[in-house]
C-alpha atoms as a PDB file:
ATOM      1  CA  UNK A   1      -0.062   0.126   0.157  1.00  0.00           C
ATOM      2  CA  UNK A   2       1.506   3.211  -1.050  1.00  0.00           C
ATOM      3  CA  UNK A   3       2.122   5.981   1.852  1.00  0.00           C
ATOM      4  CA  UNK A   4      -0.434   8.743   2.316  1.00  0.00           C
ATOM      5  CA  UNK A   5       1.950  11.622   1.238  1.00  0.00           C
ATOM      6  CA  UNK A   6       2.380   9.320  -2.047  1.00  0.00           C
ATOM      7  CA  UNK A   7      -1.105   9.021  -2.747  1.00  0.00           C
ATOM      8  CA  UNK A   8      -2.051  12.497  -2.199  1.00  0.00           C
ATOM      9  CA  UNK A   9       0.393  13.737  -4.422  1.00  0.00           C
ATOM     10  CA  UNK A  10      -0.270  11.228  -7.358  1.00  0.00           C
ATOM     11  CA  UNK A  11      -3.686  12.028  -7.341  1.00  0.00           C
ATOM     12  CA  UNK A  12      -3.101  15.888  -7.019  1.00  0.00           C
ATOM     13  CA  UNK A  13      -0.353  15.529  -9.947  1.00  0.00           C
ATOM     14  CA  UNK A  14      -2.909  13.543 -12.030  1.00  0.00           C
ATOM     15  CA  UNK A  15      -5.347  16.333 -11.946  1.00  0.00           C
ATOM     16  CA  UNK A  16      -2.908  19.044 -12.583  1.00  0.00           C
ATOM     17  CA  UNK A  17      -1.879  17.159 -15.615  1.00  0.00           C
ATOM     18  CA  UNK A  18      -5.535  16.506 -16.969  1.00  0.00           C
ATOM     19  CA  UNK A  19      -6.714  19.874 -16.269  1.00  0.00           C
ATOM     20  CA  UNK A  20      -4.438  21.275 -18.689  1.00  0.00           C
ATOM     21  CA  UNK A  21      -5.605  19.074 -21.449  1.00  0.00           C
ATOM     22  CA  UNK A  22      -4.896  15.969 -23.359  1.00  0.00           C
ATOM     23  CA  UNK A  23      -4.967  16.121 -27.043  1.00  0.00           C
ATOM     24  CA  UNK A  24      -3.982  14.070 -29.583  1.00  0.00           C
ATOM     25  CA  UNK A  25      -1.899  15.843 -32.073  1.00  0.00           C
ATOM     26  CA  UNK A  26      -2.268  14.765 -35.878  1.00  0.00           C
ATOM     27  CA  UNK A  27      -2.624  16.565 -38.781  1.00  0.00           C
ATOM     28  CA  UNK A  28      -6.103  17.725 -39.403  1.00  0.00           C
ATOM     29  CA  UNK A  29      -5.358  17.360 -42.899  1.00  0.00           C
ATOM     30  CA  UNK A  30      -5.566  13.573 -42.982  1.00  0.00           C
ATOM     31  CA  UNK A  31      -9.050  13.165 -41.660  1.00  0.00           C
ATOM     32  CA  UNK A  32     -12.492  13.899 -42.945  1.00  0.00           C
ATOM     33  CA  UNK A  33     -14.128  14.269 -39.571  1.00  0.00           C
ATOM     34  CA  UNK A  34     -13.092  15.222 -35.878  1.00  0.00           C
ATOM     35  CA  UNK A  35     -14.874  14.149 -32.515  1.00  0.00           C
ATOM     36  CA  UNK A  36     -13.560  16.064 -29.391  1.00  0.00           C
ATOM     37  CA  UNK A  37     -14.245  14.259 -26.027  1.00  0.00           C
ATOM     38  CA  UNK A  38     -14.075  15.544 -22.657  1.00  0.00           C
ATOM     39  CA  UNK A  39     -13.833  13.303 -19.437  1.00  0.00           C
ATOM     40  CA  UNK A  40     -12.536  13.049 -15.923  1.00  0.00           C
ATOM     41  CA  UNK A  41      -9.772  11.119 -14.509  1.00  0.00           C
ATOM     42  CA  UNK A  42     -11.817   9.122 -12.098  1.00  0.00           C
ATOM     43  CA  UNK A  43     -12.858   5.201 -12.351  1.00  0.00           C
ATOM     44  CA  UNK A  44     -16.629   6.661 -12.696  1.00  0.00           C
ATOM     45  CA  UNK A  45     -15.410   7.665 -16.124  1.00  0.00           C
ATOM     46  CA  UNK A  46     -14.181   4.315 -17.102  1.00  0.00           C
ATOM     47  CA  UNK A  47     -16.245   4.186 -20.414  1.00  0.00           C
ATOM     48  CA  UNK A  48     -14.020   7.060 -22.247  1.00  0.00           C
ATOM     49  CA  UNK A  49     -10.965   5.821 -20.309  1.00  0.00           C
ATOM     50  CA  UNK A  50     -11.264   2.266 -21.149  1.00  0.00           C
ATOM     51  CA  UNK A  51     -12.729   2.985 -25.343  1.00  0.00           C
ATOM     52  CA  UNK A  52      -9.748   4.991 -25.631  1.00  0.00           C
ATOM     53  CA  UNK A  53      -7.175   2.780 -24.082  1.00  0.00           C
ATOM     54  CA  UNK A  54      -8.381  -0.183 -25.737  1.00  0.00           C
ATOM     55  CA  UNK A  55      -9.113   1.379 -29.006  1.00  0.00           C
ATOM     56  CA  UNK A  56     -13.025   0.700 -28.956  1.00  0.00           C
ATOM     57  CA  UNK A  57     -13.496   4.242 -30.118  1.00  0.00           C
ATOM     58  CA  UNK A  58     -10.941   4.444 -32.671  1.00  0.00           C
ATOM     59  CA  UNK A  59     -12.079   0.879 -33.950  1.00  0.00           C
ATOM     60  CA  UNK A  60     -15.698   2.130 -34.741  1.00  0.00           C
ATOM     61  CA  UNK A  61     -15.289   5.254 -35.544  1.00  0.00           C
ATOM     62  CA  UNK A  62     -12.704   4.679 -38.286  1.00  0.00           C
ATOM     63  CA  UNK A  63      -9.545   5.835 -39.494  1.00  0.00           C
ATOM     64  CA  UNK A  64     -11.068   8.913 -41.447  1.00  0.00           C
ATOM     65  CA  UNK A  65     -12.224  10.440 -37.832  1.00  0.00           C
ATOM     66  CA  UNK A  66      -9.673  12.358 -35.742  1.00  0.00           C
ATOM     67  CA  UNK A  67     -10.536  11.671 -32.052  1.00  0.00           C
ATOM     68  CA  UNK A  68      -9.227  14.572 -29.762  1.00  0.00           C
ATOM     69  CA  UNK A  69      -9.455  14.011 -25.771  1.00  0.00           C
ATOM     70  CA  UNK A  70      -9.334  16.512 -23.253  1.00  0.00           C
ATOM     71  CA  UNK A  71      -9.488  15.392 -19.583  1.00  0.00           C
ATOM     72  CA  UNK A  72     -11.053  17.920 -16.676  1.00  0.00           C
ATOM     73  CA  UNK A  73     -11.545  17.735 -13.299  1.00  0.00           C
ATOM     74  CA  UNK A  74     -14.798  19.896 -12.967  1.00  0.00           C
ATOM     75  CA  UNK A  75     -18.249  19.572 -14.452  1.00  0.00           C
ATOM     76  CA  UNK A  76     -18.564  23.341 -14.966  1.00  0.00           C
ATOM     77  CA  UNK A  77     -15.190  23.464 -16.837  1.00  0.00           C
ATOM     78  CA  UNK A  78     -16.838  21.034 -19.399  1.00  0.00           C
ATOM     79  CA  UNK A  79     -19.976  22.996 -19.749  1.00  0.00           C
ATOM     80  CA  UNK A  80     -17.850  26.104 -20.456  1.00  0.00           C
ATOM     81  CA  UNK A  81     -15.746  24.369 -23.075  1.00  0.00           C
ATOM     82  CA  UNK A  82     -18.675  22.992 -24.797  1.00  0.00           C
ATOM     83  CA  UNK A  83     -20.278  26.379 -24.828  1.00  0.00           C
ATOM     84  CA  UNK A  84     -17.137  27.377 -26.359  1.00  0.00           C
ATOM     85  CA  UNK A  85     -17.062  24.787 -29.305  1.00  0.00           C
ATOM     86  CA  UNK A  86     -13.868  23.571 -27.950  1.00  0.00           C
ATOM     87  CA  UNK A  87     -15.386  19.855 -27.241  1.00  0.00           C
ATOM     88  CA  UNK A  88     -18.107  18.154 -28.945  1.00  0.00           C
ATOM     89  CA  UNK A  89     -19.430  15.386 -26.139  1.00  0.00           C
ATOM     90  CA  UNK A  90     -18.715  14.637 -22.670  1.00  0.00           C
ATOM     91  CA  UNK A  91     -18.889  12.620 -19.828  1.00  0.00           C
ATOM     92  CA  UNK A  92     -20.451  14.664 -16.881  1.00  0.00           C
ATOM     93  CA  UNK A  93     -22.283  14.243 -13.783  1.00  0.00           C
ATOM     94  CA  UNK A  94     -26.259  15.086 -13.753  1.00  0.00           C
ATOM     95  CA  UNK A  95     -25.384  18.591 -12.058  1.00  0.00           C
ATOM     96  CA  UNK A  96     -23.411  19.805 -15.146  1.00  0.00           C
ATOM     97  CA  UNK A  97     -25.772  17.979 -17.845  1.00  0.00           C
ATOM     98  CA  UNK A  98     -28.671  20.021 -16.498  1.00  0.00           C
ATOM     99  CA  UNK A  99     -26.977  23.205 -15.891  1.00  0.00           C
ATOM    100  CA  UNK A 100     -25.873  23.046 -19.480  1.00  0.00           C
ATOM    101  CA  UNK A 101     -29.093  22.212 -21.071  1.00  0.00           C
ATOM    102  CA  UNK A 102     -30.932  25.073 -19.317  1.00  0.00           C
ATOM    103  CA  UNK A 103     -28.286  27.855 -19.590  1.00  0.00           C
ATOM    104  CA  UNK A 104     -27.259  27.140 -22.843  1.00  0.00           C
ATOM    105  CA  UNK A 105     -28.810  29.005 -25.915  1.00  0.00           C
ATOM    106  CA  UNK A 106     -31.654  26.775 -27.535  1.00  0.00           C
ATOM    107  CA  UNK A 107     -31.166  24.144 -24.831  1.00  0.00           C
ATOM    108  CA  UNK A 108     -27.888  23.173 -26.847  1.00  0.00           C
ATOM    109  CA  UNK A 109     -26.680  20.578 -24.316  1.00  0.00           C
ATOM    110  CA  UNK A 110     -28.514  17.075 -24.636  1.00  0.00           C
ATOM    111  CA  UNK A 111     -28.212  13.718 -22.866  1.00  0.00           C
ATOM    112  CA  UNK A 112     -27.059  11.085 -25.139  1.00  0.00           C
ATOM    113  CA  UNK A 113     -26.693   8.023 -22.924  1.00  0.00           C
ATOM    114  CA  UNK A 114     -25.649   7.159 -19.499  1.00  0.00           C
ATOM    115  CA  UNK A 115     -22.098   6.170 -18.305  1.00  0.00           C
ATOM    116  CA  UNK A 116     -22.812   4.905 -14.835  1.00  0.00           C
ATOM    117  CA  UNK A 117     -24.514   4.857 -11.634  1.00  0.00           C
ATOM    118  CA  UNK A 118     -23.652   5.231  -7.839  1.00  0.00           C
ATOM    119  CA  UNK A 119     -20.336   5.477  -6.751  1.00  0.00           C
ATOM    120  CA  UNK A 120     -20.366   8.022  -4.236  1.00  0.00           C
ATOM    121  CA  UNK A 121     -20.263   7.567  -0.676  1.00  0.00           C
ATOM    122  CA  UNK A 122     -19.974   9.589   2.797  1.00  0.00           C
ATOM    123  CA  UNK A 123     -16.794   8.563   4.402  1.00  0.00           C
ATOM    124  CA  UNK A 124     -16.345   9.456   7.946  1.00  0.00           C
ATOM    125  CA  UNK A 125     -12.941  10.800   9.762  1.00  0.00           C
ATOM    126  CA  UNK A 126     -11.963   7.895  12.226  1.00  0.00           C
ATOM    127  CA  UNK A 127     -11.578  10.639  14.764  1.00  0.00           C
ATOM    128  CA  UNK A 128     -14.948  11.862  14.326  1.00  0.00           C
ATOM    129  CA  UNK A 129     -18.078  11.070  16.386  1.00  0.00           C
ATOM    130  CA  UNK A 130     -20.557  10.972  13.158  1.00  0.00           C
ATOM    131  CA  UNK A 131     -22.522   7.655  13.483  1.00  0.00           C
ATOM    132  CA  UNK A 132     -25.648   8.773  11.927  1.00  0.00           C
ATOM    133  CA  UNK A 133     -27.075  12.075  10.492  1.00  0.00           C
ATOM    134  CA  UNK A 134     -28.092  12.906  13.773  1.00  0.00           C
ATOM    135  CA  UNK A 135     -24.904  13.643  14.728  1.00  0.00           C
ATOM    136  CA  UNK A 136     -24.102  16.015  11.511  1.00  0.00           C
ATOM    137  CA  UNK A 137     -24.917  19.087  13.970  1.00  0.00           C
ATOM    138  CA  UNK A 138     -21.732  21.369  14.088  1.00  0.00           C
ATOM    139  CA  UNK A 139     -19.665  19.228  12.313  1.00  0.00           C
ATOM    140  CA  UNK A 140     -17.190  20.174   9.406  1.00  0.00           C
ATOM    141  CA  UNK A 141     -18.154  18.096   5.968  1.00  0.00           C
ATOM    142  CA  UNK A 142     -16.279  18.373   2.314  1.00  0.00           C
ATOM    143  CA  UNK A 143     -17.917  17.842  -0.851  1.00  0.00           C
ATOM    144  CA  UNK A 144     -16.364  19.408  -4.379  1.00  0.00           C
ATOM    145  CA  UNK A 145     -17.602  22.712  -5.723  1.00  0.00           C
ATOM    146  CA  UNK A 146     -20.957  24.079  -5.299  1.00  0.00           C
ATOM    147  CA  UNK A 147     -23.457  22.714  -7.792  1.00  0.00           C
ATOM    148  CA  UNK A 148     -21.685  19.424  -8.388  1.00  0.00           C
ATOM    149  CA  UNK A 149     -23.603  16.200  -8.171  1.00  0.00           C
ATOM    150  CA  UNK A 150     -22.048  15.302  -4.714  1.00  0.00           C
ATOM    151  CA  UNK A 151     -22.576  18.994  -3.341  1.00  0.00           C
ATOM    152  CA  UNK A 152     -26.539  18.738  -4.340  1.00  0.00           C
ATOM    153  CA  UNK A 153     -26.521  15.462  -2.591  1.00  0.00           C
ATOM    154  CA  UNK A 154     -25.101  16.403   0.421  1.00  0.00           C
ATOM    155  CA  UNK A 155     -27.199  19.652   0.906  1.00  0.00           C
ATOM    156  CA  UNK A 156     -30.439  17.566  -0.091  1.00  0.00           C
ATOM    157  CA  UNK A 157     -29.524  15.117   2.344  1.00  0.00           C
ATOM    158  CA  UNK A 158     -29.200  17.446   5.285  1.00  0.00           C
ATOM    159  CA  UNK A 159     -32.549  19.465   4.190  1.00  0.00           C
ATOM    160  CA  UNK A 160     -34.345  16.045   4.498  1.00  0.00           C
ATOM    161  CA  UNK A 161     -32.826  15.946   7.799  1.00  0.00           C
ATOM    162  CA  UNK A 162     -33.869  19.381   8.823  1.00  0.00           C
ATOM    163  CA  UNK A 163     -30.170  20.486   8.955  1.00  0.00           C
ATOM    164  CA  UNK A 164     -28.771  23.695   7.185  1.00  0.00           C
ATOM    165  CA  UNK A 165     -25.037  24.347   6.054  1.00  0.00           C
ATOM    166  CA  UNK A 166     -23.474  27.335   7.950  1.00  0.00           C
ATOM    167  CA  UNK A 167     -23.656  29.366   4.854  1.00  0.00           C
ATOM    168  CA  UNK A 168     -27.657  29.189   5.187  1.00  0.00           C
ATOM    169  CA  UNK A 169     -27.649  30.134   8.818  1.00  0.00           C
ATOM    170  CA  UNK A 170     -27.256  26.353  10.075  1.00  0.00           C
ATOM    171  CA  UNK A 171     -24.835  24.444  12.101  1.00  0.00           C
ATOM    172  CA  UNK A 172     -23.134  22.360   9.799  1.00  0.00           C
ATOM    173  CA  UNK A 173     -20.002  23.669   7.923  1.00  0.00           C
ATOM    174  CA  UNK A 174     -19.882  22.831   4.234  1.00  0.00           C
ATOM    175  CA  UNK A 175     -16.521  23.253   2.755  1.00  0.00           C
ATOM    176  CA  UNK A 176     -16.589  22.993  -1.240  1.00  0.00           C
ATOM    177  CA  UNK A 177     -13.001  22.091  -1.831  1.00  0.00           C
ATOM    178  CA  UNK A 178     -11.438  19.925  -4.845  1.00  0.00           C
ATOM    179  CA  UNK A 179     -11.091  16.192  -4.070  1.00  0.00           C
ATOM    180  CA  UNK A 180      -7.321  16.482  -3.588  1.00  0.00           C
ATOM    181  CA  UNK A 181      -7.949  19.154  -1.031  1.00  0.00           C
ATOM    182  CA  UNK A 182     -10.443  16.983   0.803  1.00  0.00           C
ATOM    183  CA  UNK A 183      -7.871  14.292   1.205  1.00  0.00           C
ATOM    184  CA  UNK A 184      -5.296  16.916   2.545  1.00  0.00           C
ATOM    185  CA  UNK A 185      -8.262  18.294   4.830  1.00  0.00           C
ATOM    186  CA  UNK A 186      -8.757  14.454   5.874  1.00  0.00           C
ATOM    187  CA  UNK A 187      -5.150  13.802   6.450  1.00  0.00           C
ATOM    188  CA  UNK A 188      -4.923  17.003   9.174  1.00  0.00           C
ATOM    189  CA  UNK A 189      -8.120  15.763  10.778  1.00  0.00           C
ATOM    190  CA  UNK A 190      -9.552  19.309   9.759  1.00  0.00           C
ATOM    191  CA  UNK A 191     -12.983  17.714   8.448  1.00  0.00           C
ATOM    192  CA  UNK A 192     -15.220  15.325   9.886  1.00  0.00           C
ATOM    193  CA  UNK A 193     -16.356  13.773   6.869  1.00  0.00           C
ATOM    194  CA  UNK A 194     -16.818  14.105   3.160  1.00  0.00           C
ATOM    195  CA  UNK A 195     -19.460  13.259   0.571  1.00  0.00           C
ATOM    196  CA  UNK A 196     -17.036  12.455  -2.256  1.00  0.00           C
ATOM    197  CA  UNK A 197     -17.145  10.126  -5.507  1.00  0.00           C
ATOM    198  CA  UNK A 198     -14.915   6.824  -6.185  1.00  0.00           C
ATOM    199  CA  UNK A 199     -11.962   6.428  -6.238  1.00  0.00           C
ATOM    200  CA  UNK A 200     -11.850   8.989  -3.400  1.00  0.00           C
ATOM    201  CA  UNK A 201     -14.307   7.675  -1.301  1.00  0.00           C
ATOM    202  CA  UNK A 202     -12.179   4.666  -1.378  1.00  0.00           C
ATOM    203  CA  UNK A 203      -8.842   5.993  -1.131  1.00  0.00           C
ATOM    204  CA  UNK A 204     -10.408   7.899   2.372  1.00  0.00           C
ATOM    205  CA  UNK A 205     -11.611   4.667   3.550  1.00  0.00           C
ATOM    206  CA  UNK A 206      -8.687   2.308   2.685  1.00  0.00           C
ATOM    207  CA  UNK A 207      -5.878   5.101   2.889  1.00  0.00           C
ATOM    208  CA  UNK A 208      -6.818   6.988   5.864  1.00  0.00           C
ATOM    209  CA  UNK A 209      -8.992   4.405   8.053  1.00  0.00           C
ATOM    210  CA  UNK A 210     -11.923   6.555   6.993  1.00  0.00           C
ATOM    211  CA  UNK A 211     -15.698   5.181   7.798  1.00  0.00           C
ATOM    212  CA  UNK A 212     -18.242   4.373   4.782  1.00  0.00           C
ATOM    213  CA  UNK A 213     -21.281   5.474   6.583  1.00  0.00           C
ATOM    214  CA  UNK A 214     -23.226   4.666   3.593  1.00  0.00           C
ATOM    215  CA  UNK A 215     -23.332   4.715  -0.151  1.00  0.00           C
ATOM    216  CA  UNK A 216     -25.121   7.248  -1.889  1.00  0.00           C
ATOM    217  CA  UNK A 217     -27.138   4.700  -3.829  1.00  0.00           C
ATOM    218  CA  UNK A 218     -28.758   3.414  -0.774  1.00  0.00           C
ATOM    219  CA  UNK A 219     -30.912   6.746  -0.683  1.00  0.00           C
ATOM    220  CA  UNK A 220     -32.221   6.337  -4.276  1.00  0.00           C
ATOM    221  CA  UNK A 221     -35.374   4.284  -5.806  1.00  0.00           C
ATOM    222  CA  UNK A 222     -33.870   0.750  -6.535  1.00  0.00           C
ATOM    223  CA  UNK A 223     -30.718   1.790  -5.501  1.00  0.00           C
ATOM    224  CA  UNK A 224     -29.774   3.457  -8.860  1.00  0.00           C
ATOM    225  CA  UNK A 225     -29.033   7.088  -9.716  1.00  0.00           C
ATOM    226  CA  UNK A 226     -27.107   8.561 -12.723  1.00  0.00           C
ATOM    227  CA  UNK A 227     -23.773   9.632 -11.386  1.00  0.00           C
ATOM    228  CA  UNK A 228     -22.188   9.915 -14.892  1.00  0.00           C
ATOM    229  CA  UNK A 229     -23.960  11.132 -18.071  1.00  0.00           C
ATOM    230  CA  UNK A 230     -22.809  11.170 -22.183  1.00  0.00           C
ATOM    231  CA  UNK A 231     -23.977  14.723 -23.181  1.00  0.00           C
ATOM    232  CA  UNK A 232     -23.315  16.164 -26.405  1.00  0.00           C
ATOM    233  CA  UNK A 233     -23.365  19.608 -28.178  1.00  0.00           C
ATOM    234  CA  UNK A 234     -26.531  19.429 -29.676  1.00  0.00           C
ATOM    235  CA  UNK A 235     -25.341  21.235 -33.100  1.00  0.00           C
ATOM    236  CA  UNK A 236     -22.706  18.985 -33.591  1.00  0.00           C
ATOM    237  CA  UNK A 237     -25.019  15.796 -33.403  1.00  0.00           C
ATOM    238  CA  UNK A 238     -27.198  17.395 -36.071  1.00  0.00           C
ATOM    239  CA  UNK A 239     -24.523  17.948 -38.023  1.00  0.00           C
ATOM    240  CA  UNK A 240     -22.671  14.808 -37.563  1.00  0.00           C
ATOM    241  CA  UNK A 241     -25.522  11.899 -37.008  1.00  0.00           C
ATOM    242  CA  UNK A 242     -23.752   9.281 -38.299  1.00  0.00           C
ATOM    243  CA  UNK A 243     -20.345   9.907 -36.566  1.00  0.00           C
ATOM    244  CA  UNK A 244     -22.094  10.178 -33.227  1.00  0.00           C
ATOM    245  CA  UNK A 245     -24.292   7.267 -33.877  1.00  0.00           C
ATOM    246  CA  UNK A 246     -21.087   5.366 -34.587  1.00  0.00           C
ATOM    247  CA  UNK A 247     -19.757   6.663 -31.155  1.00  0.00           C
ATOM    248  CA  UNK A 248     -22.600   5.608 -29.458  1.00  0.00           C
ATOM    249  CA  UNK A 249     -22.026   2.234 -30.560  1.00  0.00           C
ATOM    250  CA  UNK A 250     -18.588   2.107 -29.365  1.00  0.00           C
ATOM    251  CA  UNK A 251     -19.744   3.363 -26.137  1.00  0.00           C
ATOM    252  CA  UNK A 252     -22.096   0.454 -25.813  1.00  0.00           C
ATOM    253  CA  UNK A 253     -19.662  -1.735 -26.596  1.00  0.00           C
ATOM    254  CA  UNK A 254     -17.340  -0.140 -23.997  1.00  0.00           C
ATOM    255  CA  UNK A 255     -19.790  -0.711 -21.426  1.00  0.00           C
ATOM    256  CA  UNK A 256     -20.300  -4.227 -22.282  1.00  0.00           C
ATOM    257  CA  UNK A 257     -16.694  -5.153 -22.125  1.00  0.00           C
ATOM    258  CA  UNK A 258     -16.055  -3.593 -18.773  1.00  0.00           C
ATOM    259  CA  UNK A 259     -18.720  -5.315 -17.172  1.00  0.00           C
ATOM    260  CA  UNK A 260     -17.501  -8.391 -18.775  1.00  0.00           C
ATOM    261  CA  UNK A 261     -13.932  -7.611 -17.702  1.00  0.00           C
ATOM    262  CA  UNK A 262     -13.411  -5.819 -14.264  1.00  0.00           C
ATOM    263  CA  UNK A 263      -9.995  -7.144 -13.544  1.00  0.00           C
ATOM    264  CA  UNK A 264      -8.526  -6.007 -16.965  1.00  0.00           C
ATOM    265  CA  UNK A 265     -10.295  -2.592 -16.505  1.00  0.00           C
ATOM    266  CA  UNK A 266      -8.585  -2.076 -12.951  1.00  0.00           C
ATOM    267  CA  UNK A 267      -5.188  -2.893 -15.368  1.00  0.00           C
ATOM    268  CA  UNK A 268      -6.384  -0.420 -18.223  1.00  0.00           C
ATOM    269  CA  UNK A 269      -7.297   2.389 -15.618  1.00  0.00           C
ATOM    270  CA  UNK A 270      -3.857   2.295 -13.773  1.00  0.00           C
ATOM    271  CA  UNK A 271      -2.029   2.066 -16.836  1.00  0.00           C
ATOM    272  CA  UNK A 272      -3.811   5.192 -17.963  1.00  0.00           C
ATOM    273  CA  UNK A 273      -3.008   6.719 -14.608  1.00  0.00           C
ATOM    274  CA  UNK A 274       0.847   5.580 -14.941  1.00  0.00           C
ATOM    275  CA  UNK A 275       1.369   6.604 -18.637  1.00  0.00           C
ATOM    276  CA  UNK A 276       0.704  10.259 -17.839  1.00  0.00           C
ATOM    277  CA  UNK A 277       2.037  10.457 -14.240  1.00  0.00           C
ATOM    278  CA  UNK A 278       4.503   7.328 -13.619  1.00  0.00           C
ATOM    279  CA  UNK A 279       1.977   6.484 -10.818  1.00  0.00           C
ATOM    280  CA  UNK A 280      -0.966   4.429 -10.147  1.00  0.00           C
ATOM    281  CA  UNK A 281      -3.341   3.687  -7.552  1.00  0.00           C
ATOM    282  CA  UNK A 282      -3.300   0.266  -5.468  1.00  0.00           C
ATOM    283  CA  UNK A 283      -4.992  -2.515  -6.999  1.00  0.00           C
ATOM    284  CA  UNK A 284      -7.501  -2.910  -4.067  1.00  0.00           C
ATOM    285  CA  UNK A 285      -8.529   0.770  -4.243  1.00  0.00           C
ATOM    286  CA  UNK A 286      -9.520   0.297  -7.856  1.00  0.00           C
ATOM    287  CA  UNK A 287     -11.077  -2.883  -7.381  1.00  0.00           C
ATOM    288  CA  UNK A 288     -13.219  -1.762  -4.627  1.00  0.00           C
ATOM    289  CA  UNK A 289     -14.076   1.677  -6.455  1.00  0.00           C
ATOM    290  CA  UNK A 290     -14.955   0.046  -9.427  1.00  0.00           C
ATOM    291  CA  UNK A 291     -17.283  -2.605  -7.759  1.00  0.00           C
ATOM    292  CA  UNK A 292     -18.952   0.366  -5.702  1.00  0.00           C
ATOM    293  CA  UNK A 293     -20.130   1.538  -9.580  1.00  0.00           C
ATOM    294  CA  UNK A 294     -22.610   0.188 -11.910  1.00  0.00           C
ATOM    295  CA  UNK A 295     -21.237   1.205 -15.702  1.00  0.00           C
ATOM    296  CA  UNK A 296     -24.352   1.406 -17.523  1.00  0.00           C
ATOM    297  CA  UNK A 297     -25.273   3.140 -20.615  1.00  0.00           C
ATOM    298  CA  UNK A 298     -28.913   3.541 -19.233  1.00  0.00           C
ATOM    299  CA  UNK A 299     -29.217   7.173 -18.155  1.00  0.00           C
ATOM    300  CA  UNK A 300     -31.774   6.448 -15.623  1.00  0.00           C
ATOM    301  CA  UNK A 301     -34.247   9.182 -16.798  1.00  0.00           C
ATOM    302  CA  UNK A 302     -36.099   9.344 -13.482  1.00  0.00           C
ATOM    303  CA  UNK A 303     -33.006   9.875 -11.207  1.00  0.00           C
ATOM    304  CA  UNK A 304     -32.010  12.888 -13.592  1.00  0.00           C
ATOM    305  CA  UNK A 305     -35.178  14.563 -12.986  1.00  0.00           C
ATOM    306  CA  UNK A 306     -35.182  13.830  -9.226  1.00  0.00           C
ATOM    307  CA  UNK A 307     -31.914  15.347  -9.122  1.00  0.00           C
ATOM    308  CA  UNK A 308     -33.281  18.637 -11.148  1.00  0.00           C
ATOM    309  CA  UNK A 309     -35.760  18.605  -8.373  1.00  0.00           C
ATOM    310  CA  UNK A 310     -33.153  18.328  -5.465  1.00  0.00           C
ATOM    311  CA  UNK A 311     -31.148  21.096  -6.964  1.00  0.00           C
ATOM    312  CA  UNK A 312     -33.806  23.455  -7.799  1.00  0.00           C
ATOM    313  CA  UNK A 313     -35.054  23.250  -4.038  1.00  0.00           C
ATOM    314  CA  UNK A 314     -31.731  24.388  -3.062  1.00  0.00           C
ATOM    315  CA  UNK A 315     -31.923  27.521  -5.501  1.00  0.00           C
ATOM    316  CA  UNK A 316     -29.333  26.148  -7.958  1.00  0.00           C
ATOM    317  CA  UNK A 317     -31.533  26.738 -10.781  1.00  0.00           C
ATOM    318  CA  UNK A 318     -32.428  29.939 -10.694  1.00  0.00           C
ATOM    319  CA  UNK A 319     -35.855  31.886  -9.641  1.00  0.00           C
ATOM    320  CA  UNK A 320     -37.889  31.187 -12.484  1.00  0.00           C
ATOM    321  CA  UNK A 321     -38.188  27.361 -12.182  1.00  0.00           C
ATOM    322  CA  UNK A 322     -36.883  24.937 -14.768  1.00  0.00           C
ATOM    323  CA  UNK A 323     -38.069  22.725 -17.552  1.00  0.00           C
ATOM    324  CA  UNK A 324     -36.314  19.557 -18.734  1.00  0.00           C
ATOM    325  CA  UNK A 325     -38.366  19.132 -21.814  1.00  0.00           C
ATOM    326  CA  UNK A 326     -36.178  17.635 -24.589  1.00  0.00           C
ATOM    327  CA  UNK A 327     -32.996  17.163 -22.472  1.00  0.00           C
ATOM    328  CA  UNK A 328     -32.616  13.335 -23.591  1.00  0.00           C
ATOM    329  CA  UNK A 329     -32.153  12.644 -27.386  1.00  0.00           C
ATOM    330  CA  UNK A 330     -32.345   9.338 -28.904  1.00  0.00           C
ATOM    331  CA  UNK A 331     -30.635   8.307 -32.500  1.00  0.00           C
ATOM    332  CA  UNK A 332     -32.894   6.182 -34.418  1.00  0.00           C
ATOM    333  CA  UNK A 333     -31.707   3.526 -37.049  1.00  0.00           C
ATOM    334  CA  UNK A 334     -31.527   6.004 -39.684  1.00  0.00           C
ATOM    335  CA  UNK A 335     -29.379   8.132 -37.508  1.00  0.00           C
ATOM    336  CA  UNK A 336     -31.918  10.968 -37.305  1.00  0.00           C
ATOM    337  CA  UNK A 337     -32.143  13.023 -33.956  1.00  0.00           C
ATOM    338  CA  UNK A 338     -35.458  12.842 -32.347  1.00  0.00           C
ATOM    339  CA  UNK A 339     -36.105  14.574 -28.898  1.00  0.00           C
ATOM    340  CA  UNK A 340     -37.834  12.827 -26.590  1.00  0.00           C
ATOM    341  CA  UNK A 341     -39.281  14.406 -23.024  1.00  0.00           C
END
């Protein structure tokens, strides 16, 4: 098992490298088409990582399509790039997907498919006295940036249990910080718990002796909720229906392969990390993190609508209400884009 400092440095280094963007460099003149893909360097984004590393995307898209990739560490960054037309499709959580749809001109962000369900947990610091939600009052809890999927889930959970964050006049102090900073705060004992996605939840549990109070899926109907979605710039989809249809085929193929090959998926993921940093996570961390996820193409639509309700109740979707009609798209057998509510 790696030392705490090594794990922290490794993960932080990975994030730093990927925030800068990783783009395949080829001469555009040798390609007829181009597709620019964004995703995160975590196990919940196993589909794009495996799809790229195993060549599944390239195989189905063909050698006349240039694939460019950029790896981010936050959903808002992805949505900004989608708005700026610097990426075409992306893997993000439901929060950024919903905000992108509502805030884009002509609802120019749509959900094409799911990529993962579950994979977030509440981890308690070993020195904290949190044993249930009744112990949250007066505690310090970390979650990623405001409006992030885990942030919305945490704040909704507090509200359901008649608690408020300190910034809303309550007693629970919520720190909205990047995951590497959550790790540091956990090491220093400056937080009582954290609501985080994989593999961070497992890292805090296995490397820092954290206690997993609950898996977030335990709070959802059928223990399923969309945690990673495949979204697209709608203009790009309309202009390139066959290319997007082919990409979706490679997406589905990759989902199937991952579910049939969990051990090799772990190897591919760690090789992916190692190729950029020269450092990977322990096999145990990746295996546990992957087992806490369901890799699926199902966008679990009801959970997306439910998530929007939670975000709206927190005031994250504006003051004038919201309408998600048309947020999901389907590609029929003729590669024509058809909106569905």
